[in-house]
Amino acid sequence: MKHIGLIGEALTGSAIGAFYAVYDELGSGFLEHIYVAALQRELCRRGHDVARETSVPVFFRGERIGLQRLDMVVDQQLVVEVKAAESALDYGSKQLFSYLRATRLEVGLLFSFGAKPVFKRVVCRNALKADKAGHDGHDRTQV
């Protein structure tokens, strides 16, 4: 049986490993910005390029209406959203999906540093990502 890889499988695997390394050392209870700073350092230690607090434009009916700030973008391919508690998981997943819709990026990870470490992988393919081969650009999935 042939293995069909996930979008960004190697990158997301490395990022998830970094998440667990940070959680193993810090545990739960810190504010979000502490986890973001530690995660950035761990991702860089693993050889990744990390952009923090990246702003992306949001459009409504073709007009730019504002900017949205992303916690981090890894290797210009992966959006990472960090939450300090698992109570924010549902909202965080929706937030991450919206971030992906606003960019040309297709995969994101939500990391929750609550009482138990939890992550969610979110994938979004939309009109910004439609290819010339006829993909309609409306396949949206959350894993």
Protein backbone atom coordinates (compact mmCIF):
# COMPACT_ATOMS: atom_id res chain seq x y z
CA MET A 1 0.00 0.00 0.00
CA LYS A 2 1.42 3.36 -1.04
CA HIS A 3 1.77 6.02 1.66
CA ILE A 4 0.07 9.29 0.73
CA GLY A 5 1.75 12.09 2.65
CA LEU A 6 0.08 14.93 4.41
CA ILE A 7 0.59 18.48 3.19
CA GLY A 8 3.77 19.69 4.88
CA GLU A 9 4.22 16.40 6.72
CA ALA A 10 7.94 16.79 7.54
CA LEU A 11 7.54 20.42 8.60
CA THR A 12 4.47 19.80 10.75
CA GLY A 13 6.18 16.78 12.32
CA SER A 14 9.16 18.91 13.29
CA ALA A 15 6.92 21.66 14.65
CA ILE A 16 4.89 19.18 16.71
CA GLY A 17 8.15 17.80 18.12
CA ALA A 18 9.18 21.35 19.07
CA PHE A 19 5.78 21.87 20.75
CA TYR A 20 6.25 18.78 22.92
CA ALA A 21 9.84 19.77 23.76
CA VAL A 22 8.61 23.15 25.00
CA TYR A 23 5.69 21.61 26.90
CA ASP A 24 7.94 19.01 28.52
CA GLU A 25 10.18 21.75 29.88
CA LEU A 26 7.68 24.49 30.77
CA GLY A 27 4.46 22.58 31.44
CA SER A 28 1.24 24.57 31.73
CA GLY A 29 0.40 27.81 33.50
CA PHE A 30 2.41 30.47 31.66
CA LEU A 31 0.97 33.22 29.51
CA GLU A 32 0.76 32.69 25.76
CA HIS A 33 3.67 35.00 24.87
CA ILE A 34 6.05 32.86 26.98
CA TYR A 35 5.13 29.75 24.99
CA VAL A 36 5.44 31.60 21.69
CA ALA A 37 8.94 32.82 22.61
CA ALA A 38 10.06 29.35 23.73
CA LEU A 39 8.54 27.70 20.66
CA GLN A 40 10.31 30.17 18.38
CA ARG A 41 13.65 29.37 19.99
CA GLU A 42 13.06 25.62 19.73
CA LEU A 43 11.99 25.83 16.08
CA CYS A 44 15.06 27.93 15.24
CA ARG A 45 17.25 25.43 17.10
CA ARG A 46 15.80 22.77 14.78
CA GLY A 47 16.86 24.82 11.74
CA HIS A 48 13.57 26.51 10.85
CA ASP A 49 12.99 30.10 9.81
CA VAL A 50 10.37 31.66 12.10
CA ALA A 51 8.52 34.92 11.53
CA ARG A 52 6.56 36.16 14.55
CA GLU A 53 3.54 38.42 14.59
CA THR A 54 3.29 38.43 10.81
CA SER A 55 0.50 40.67 9.52
CA VAL A 56 -1.66 39.58 6.60
CA PRO A 57 -4.32 41.68 4.88
CA VAL A 58 -8.00 40.73 5.08
CA PHE A 59 -10.29 41.60 2.18
CA PHE A 60 -14.03 42.09 1.96
CA ARG A 61 -15.57 42.27 -1.51
CA GLY A 62 -12.19 42.95 -3.02
CA GLU A 63 -11.29 45.77 -0.64
CA ARG A 64 -8.68 45.57 2.07
CA ILE A 65 -10.44 46.13 5.39
CA GLY A 66 -7.64 45.45 7.82
CA LEU A 67 -4.72 43.35 8.95
CA GLN A 68 -4.70 40.13 10.93
CA ARG A 69 -1.70 39.18 13.06
CA LEU A 70 -0.48 35.58 12.99
CA ASP A 71 1.42 34.22 16.01
CA MET A 72 4.08 32.74 13.74
CA VAL A 73 4.84 31.47 10.28
CA VAL A 74 7.44 28.70 9.99
CA ASP A 75 9.56 28.34 6.85
CA GLN A 76 7.07 30.53 4.98
CA GLN A 77 4.79 27.46 4.80
CA LEU A 78 3.16 26.77 8.15
CA VAL A 79 0.94 29.00 10.30
CA VAL A 80 1.25 28.30 14.03
CA GLU A 81 -1.31 29.56 16.54
CA VAL A 82 -0.55 29.20 20.25
CA LYS A 83 -3.04 29.08 23.11
CA ALA A 84 -2.21 28.88 26.80
CA ALA A 85 -5.29 26.81 27.74
CA GLU A 86 -7.30 24.03 26.16
CA SER A 87 -10.53 26.00 26.74
CA ALA A 88 -9.54 28.04 23.66
CA LEU A 89 -9.22 25.02 21.33
CA ASP A 90 -12.53 25.37 19.49
CA TYR A 91 -12.17 29.11 18.97
CA GLY A 92 -8.48 28.70 18.14
CA SER A 93 -9.25 26.16 15.40
CA LYS A 94 -11.74 28.52 13.79
CA GLN A 95 -9.29 31.40 14.14
CA LEU A 96 -6.50 29.38 12.51
CA PHE A 97 -8.79 28.32 9.66
CA SER A 98 -9.61 32.00 9.02
CA TYR A 99 -5.91 32.86 9.00
CA LEU A 100 -5.30 30.20 6.37
CA ARG A 101 -8.20 31.53 4.29
CA ALA A 102 -6.55 34.96 4.32
CA THR A 103 -3.20 33.63 3.07
CA ARG A 104 -1.79 31.41 0.34
CA LEU A 105 -0.67 28.96 3.03
CA GLU A 106 -2.46 25.64 3.26
CA VAL A 107 -1.61 24.13 6.61
CA GLY A 108 -1.59 25.33 10.19
CA LEU A 109 -1.05 23.95 13.66
CA LEU A 110 -2.83 25.01 16.82
CA PHE A 111 -0.85 24.30 19.98
CA SER A 112 -2.54 24.35 23.38
CA PHE A 113 -0.32 24.51 26.45
CA GLY A 114 -3.12 23.61 28.90
CA ALA A 115 -3.12 20.96 31.62
CA LYS A 116 -2.45 18.43 28.84
CA PRO A 117 -0.56 19.27 25.64
CA VAL A 118 -2.97 19.26 22.70
CA PHE A 119 -2.46 20.13 19.05
CA LYS A 120 -4.77 20.36 16.05
CA ARG A 121 -3.75 20.34 12.40
CA VAL A 122 -5.86 22.53 10.12
CA VAL A 123 -5.78 22.46 6.31
CA CYS A 124 -7.45 24.98 4.04
CA ARG A 125 -7.54 25.07 0.26
CA ASN A 126 -9.51 27.98 -1.12
CA ALA A 127 -9.65 30.41 -4.04
CA LEU A 128 -6.29 31.96 -3.13
CA LYS A 129 -4.75 28.53 -3.61
CA ALA A 130 -6.68 27.39 -6.71
CA ASP A 131 -4.38 25.94 -9.32
CA LYS A 132 -4.48 26.08 -13.11
CA ALA A 133 -5.40 22.39 -13.34
CA GLY A 134 -9.03 23.09 -12.57
CA HIS A 135 -9.13 22.78 -8.79
CA ASP A 136 -12.18 24.75 -7.75
CA GLY A 137 -10.43 26.03 -4.64
CA HIS A 138 -13.19 25.16 -2.18
CA ASP A 139 -11.83 22.07 -0.42
CA ARG A 140 -11.61 22.91 3.27
CA THR A 141 -10.72 20.28 5.82
CA GLN A 142 -9.76 20.24 9.46
CA VAL A 143 -7.71 17.38 10.86
